[in-house]
Amino acid sequence: MPAQRGPRYRHTPLWRDASRFLVEVEQAVRRFPRYHKYTLGAELRTQAMNVCRLVARAAQANEAGERERLVGQLVWQIEDLKMSVQLAKELEAFASFAQFQRLAEQAVALGKQSGGWWKRARTAAGAASRQGAAPA
């Protein structure tokens, strides 16, 4: 069996979906009206990139508490991203409703994945802290 190359986070479904989302955001913002491209569009691009960064950092965290903290940040970053996608729709920045719908569905899927990861990370961090506590 061949060894996997590259960082381990690149082989996770969450990374795959987050990086696909980033590409979709880049393509969508390219077609935003000029008025929104450099404000809301730039914010969407930054938020999508931050999601990818947090996935990578959390996957590489060695301590359970640190992973829990980073995944918690990821969950909130995705919530912010979903609000920005909704705002862009309300401001009619997307080229089509279908484009908005694809991004909204992807953002919801990212939220579900990160929420599940956060629950597992909190459980692992709690177990690690209980093991580290000395009996009285």
C-alpha atoms as a PDB file:
ATOM      1  CA  MET A   1       0.000   0.000   0.000  1.00  0.00           C
ATOM      2  CA  PRO A   2       1.575   3.323  -1.034  1.00  0.00           C
ATOM      3  CA  ALA A   3       2.128   5.967   1.635  1.00  0.00           C
ATOM      4  CA  GLN A   4       0.006   9.133   1.469  1.00  0.00           C
ATOM      5  CA  ARG A   5       1.879  12.242   0.425  1.00  0.00           C
ATOM      6  CA  GLY A   6       1.478  15.697   1.840  1.00  0.00           C
ATOM      7  CA  PRO A   7      -0.100  16.878   5.049  1.00  0.00           C
ATOM      8  CA  ARG A   8      -2.728  14.564   6.525  1.00  0.00           C
ATOM      9  CA  TYR A   9      -5.483  17.207   6.414  1.00  0.00           C
ATOM     10  CA  ARG A  10      -5.450  17.113   2.612  1.00  0.00           C
ATOM     11  CA  HIS A  11      -6.953  13.625   2.718  1.00  0.00           C
ATOM     12  CA  THR A  12     -10.009  14.562   4.776  1.00  0.00           C
ATOM     13  CA  PRO A  13     -13.509  15.137   3.372  1.00  0.00           C
ATOM     14  CA  LEU A  14     -13.751  18.471   5.219  1.00  0.00           C
ATOM     15  CA  TRP A  15     -10.580  19.769   3.538  1.00  0.00           C
ATOM     16  CA  ARG A  16     -11.808  18.553   0.152  1.00  0.00           C
ATOM     17  CA  ASP A  17     -15.135  20.315   0.595  1.00  0.00           C
ATOM     18  CA  ALA A  18     -13.605  23.496   2.037  1.00  0.00           C
ATOM     19  CA  SER A  19     -11.140  23.806  -0.830  1.00  0.00           C
ATOM     20  CA  ARG A  20     -13.917  23.196  -3.383  1.00  0.00           C
ATOM     21  CA  PHE A  21     -15.960  25.877  -1.657  1.00  0.00           C
ATOM     22  CA  LEU A  22     -13.020  28.290  -1.884  1.00  0.00           C
ATOM     23  CA  VAL A  23     -12.717  27.680  -5.629  1.00  0.00           C
ATOM     24  CA  GLU A  24     -16.480  28.220  -6.077  1.00  0.00           C
ATOM     25  CA  VAL A  25     -16.297  31.475  -4.103  1.00  0.00           C
ATOM     26  CA  GLU A  26     -13.404  32.683  -6.256  1.00  0.00           C
ATOM     27  CA  GLN A  27     -15.394  31.952  -9.422  1.00  0.00           C
ATOM     28  CA  ALA A  28     -18.540  33.604  -8.057  1.00  0.00           C
ATOM     29  CA  VAL A  29     -16.776  36.764  -6.881  1.00  0.00           C
ATOM     30  CA  ARG A  30     -15.137  37.124 -10.275  1.00  0.00           C
ATOM     31  CA  ARG A  31     -18.632  37.708 -11.675  1.00  0.00           C
ATOM     32  CA  PHE A  32     -19.872  40.024  -8.899  1.00  0.00           C
ATOM     33  CA  PRO A  33     -20.819  43.560  -9.924  1.00  0.00           C
ATOM     34  CA  ARG A  34     -17.937  45.955  -9.430  1.00  0.00           C
ATOM     35  CA  TYR A  35     -19.694  47.633  -6.493  1.00  0.00           C
ATOM     36  CA  HIS A  36     -19.679  44.367  -4.496  1.00  0.00           C
ATOM     37  CA  LYS A  37     -16.534  42.718  -5.856  1.00  0.00           C
ATOM     38  CA  TYR A  38     -14.066  44.659  -3.721  1.00  0.00           C
ATOM     39  CA  THR A  39     -16.081  44.782  -0.507  1.00  0.00           C
ATOM     40  CA  LEU A  40     -18.406  41.847   0.026  1.00  0.00           C
ATOM     41  CA  GLY A  41     -16.527  39.749  -2.524  1.00  0.00           C
ATOM     42  CA  ALA A  42     -13.197  40.325  -0.794  1.00  0.00           C
ATOM     43  CA  GLU A  43     -14.779  39.437   2.556  1.00  0.00           C
ATOM     44  CA  LEU A  44     -16.213  36.181   1.161  1.00  0.00           C
ATOM     45  CA  ARG A  45     -12.838  35.238  -0.302  1.00  0.00           C
ATOM     46  CA  THR A  46     -11.070  35.937   3.003  1.00  0.00           C
ATOM     47  CA  GLN A  47     -13.633  33.975   5.004  1.00  0.00           C
ATOM     48  CA  ALA A  48     -13.413  30.975   2.663  1.00  0.00           C
ATOM     49  CA  MET A  49      -9.608  31.028   2.901  1.00  0.00           C
ATOM     50  CA  ASN A  50      -9.814  31.231   6.696  1.00  0.00           C
ATOM     51  CA  VAL A  51     -12.029  28.136   6.734  1.00  0.00           C
ATOM     52  CA  CYS A  52      -9.340  26.236   4.807  1.00  0.00           C
ATOM     53  CA  ARG A  53      -6.636  27.500   7.159  1.00  0.00           C
ATOM     54  CA  LEU A  54      -8.572  26.465  10.249  1.00  0.00           C
ATOM     55  CA  VAL A  55      -9.254  22.987   8.841  1.00  0.00           C
ATOM     56  CA  ALA A  56      -5.522  22.535   8.246  1.00  0.00           C
ATOM     57  CA  ARG A  57      -4.497  23.876  11.657  1.00  0.00           C
ATOM     58  CA  ALA A  58      -7.083  21.853  13.564  1.00  0.00           C
ATOM     59  CA  ALA A  59      -6.173  18.644  11.732  1.00  0.00           C
ATOM     60  CA  GLN A  60      -2.517  19.138  12.609  1.00  0.00           C
ATOM     61  CA  ALA A  61      -3.087  20.057  16.270  1.00  0.00           C
ATOM     62  CA  ASN A  62      -1.437  17.526  18.569  1.00  0.00           C
ATOM     63  CA  GLU A  63      -3.264  18.342  21.808  1.00  0.00           C
ATOM     64  CA  ALA A  64      -6.978  17.613  22.216  1.00  0.00           C
ATOM     65  CA  GLY A  65      -7.639  20.980  23.875  1.00  0.00           C
ATOM     66  CA  GLU A  66      -5.945  22.876  21.074  1.00  0.00           C
ATOM     67  CA  ARG A  67      -7.875  20.916  18.450  1.00  0.00           C
ATOM     68  CA  GLU A  68     -11.143  21.650  20.271  1.00  0.00           C
ATOM     69  CA  ARG A  69     -10.332  25.390  20.324  1.00  0.00           C
ATOM     70  CA  LEU A  70      -9.441  25.483  16.623  1.00  0.00           C
ATOM     71  CA  VAL A  71     -12.466  23.458  15.544  1.00  0.00           C
ATOM     72  CA  GLY A  72     -14.653  25.778  17.621  1.00  0.00           C
ATOM     73  CA  GLN A  73     -13.186  28.722  15.716  1.00  0.00           C
ATOM     74  CA  LEU A  74     -13.862  26.844  12.473  1.00  0.00           C
ATOM     75  CA  VAL A  75     -17.532  26.386  13.380  1.00  0.00           C
ATOM     76  CA  TRP A  76     -17.921  30.115  14.009  1.00  0.00           C
ATOM     77  CA  GLN A  77     -16.000  31.039  10.859  1.00  0.00           C
ATOM     78  CA  ILE A  78     -18.389  28.916   8.802  1.00  0.00           C
ATOM     79  CA  GLU A  79     -21.369  30.605  10.483  1.00  0.00           C
ATOM     80  CA  ASP A  80     -19.926  34.005   9.507  1.00  0.00           C
ATOM     81  CA  LEU A  81     -19.411  32.720   5.989  1.00  0.00           C
ATOM     82  CA  LYS A  82     -23.021  31.545   5.720  1.00  0.00           C
ATOM     83  CA  MET A  83     -24.209  35.017   6.765  1.00  0.00           C
ATOM     84  CA  SER A  84     -22.024  36.622   4.092  1.00  0.00           C
ATOM     85  CA  VAL A  85     -23.346  34.276   1.404  1.00  0.00           C
ATOM     86  CA  GLN A  86     -26.903  35.160   2.429  1.00  0.00           C
ATOM     87  CA  LEU A  87     -26.104  38.885   2.378  1.00  0.00           C
ATOM     88  CA  ALA A  88     -24.610  38.579  -1.109  1.00  0.00           C
ATOM     89  CA  LYS A  89     -27.834  36.937  -2.261  1.00  0.00           C
ATOM     90  CA  GLU A  90     -29.956  39.696  -0.725  1.00  0.00           C
ATOM     91  CA  LEU A  91     -27.795  42.321  -2.430  1.00  0.00           C
ATOM     92  CA  GLU A  92     -28.119  40.413  -5.729  1.00  0.00           C
ATOM     93  CA  ALA A  93     -24.358  40.067  -6.083  1.00  0.00           C
ATOM     94  CA  PHE A  94     -24.483  36.521  -7.513  1.00  0.00           C
ATOM     95  CA  ALA A  95     -24.724  36.039 -11.258  1.00  0.00           C
ATOM     96  CA  SER A  96     -27.604  33.601 -10.777  1.00  0.00           C
ATOM     97  CA  PHE A  97     -29.749  32.020  -8.104  1.00  0.00           C
ATOM     98  CA  ALA A  98     -28.201  28.647  -8.991  1.00  0.00           C
ATOM     99  CA  GLN A  99     -24.756  29.998  -8.091  1.00  0.00           C
ATOM    100  CA  PHE A 100     -26.034  31.192  -4.709  1.00  0.00           C
ATOM    101  CA  GLN A 101     -27.804  27.880  -4.130  1.00  0.00           C
ATOM    102  CA  ARG A 102     -24.633  25.859  -4.789  1.00  0.00           C
ATOM    103  CA  LEU A 103     -22.612  27.978  -2.378  1.00  0.00           C
ATOM    104  CA  ALA A 104     -25.339  27.939   0.276  1.00  0.00           C
ATOM    105  CA  GLU A 105     -25.619  24.142   0.098  1.00  0.00           C
ATOM    106  CA  GLN A 106     -21.851  23.754   0.309  1.00  0.00           C
ATOM    107  CA  ALA A 107     -21.691  26.120   3.296  1.00  0.00           C
ATOM    108  CA  VAL A 108     -24.409  24.158   5.106  1.00  0.00           C
ATOM    109  CA  ALA A 109     -22.528  20.900   4.432  1.00  0.00           C
ATOM    110  CA  LEU A 110     -19.311  22.450   5.797  1.00  0.00           C
ATOM    111  CA  GLY A 111     -21.234  23.546   8.882  1.00  0.00           C
ATOM    112  CA  LYS A 112     -22.572  20.044   9.489  1.00  0.00           C
ATOM    113  CA  GLN A 113     -19.135  18.460   9.081  1.00  0.00           C
ATOM    114  CA  SER A 114     -17.407  20.966  11.326  1.00  0.00           C
ATOM    115  CA  GLY A 115     -20.168  20.701  13.945  1.00  0.00           C
ATOM    116  CA  GLY A 116     -19.716  16.928  14.093  1.00  0.00           C
ATOM    117  CA  TRP A 117     -15.951  17.367  14.363  1.00  0.00           C
ATOM    118  CA  TRP A 118     -16.436  19.881  17.164  1.00  0.00           C
ATOM    119  CA  LYS A 119     -18.575  17.435  19.156  1.00  0.00           C
ATOM    120  CA  ARG A 120     -15.911  14.742  18.767  1.00  0.00           C
ATOM    121  CA  ALA A 121     -13.138  17.205  19.664  1.00  0.00           C
ATOM    122  CA  ARG A 122     -14.957  18.338  22.814  1.00  0.00           C
ATOM    123  CA  THR A 123     -15.441  14.715  23.871  1.00  0.00           C
ATOM    124  CA  ALA A 124     -11.764  13.954  23.255  1.00  0.00           C
ATOM    125  CA  ALA A 125     -10.621  17.086  25.110  1.00  0.00           C
ATOM    126  CA  GLY A 126     -12.861  16.219  28.059  1.00  0.00           C
ATOM    127  CA  ALA A 127     -11.488  12.679  28.180  1.00  0.00           C
ATOM    128  CA  ALA A 128      -7.915  13.992  27.993  1.00  0.00           C
ATOM    129  CA  SER A 129      -8.486  16.442  30.845  1.00  0.00           C
ATOM    130  CA  ARG A 130     -10.071  13.728  33.014  1.00  0.00           C
ATOM    131  CA  GLN A 131      -7.085  11.441  32.415  1.00  0.00           C
ATOM    132  CA  GLY A 132      -4.690  14.231  33.332  1.00  0.00           C
ATOM    133  CA  ALA A 133      -6.484  15.023  36.609  1.00  0.00           C
ATOM    134  CA  ALA A 134      -4.942  13.445  39.681  1.00  0.00           C
ATOM    135  CA  PRO A 135      -7.292  11.569  42.019  1.00  0.00           C
ATOM    136  CA  ALA A 136      -8.009  13.326  45.325  1.00  0.00           C
END
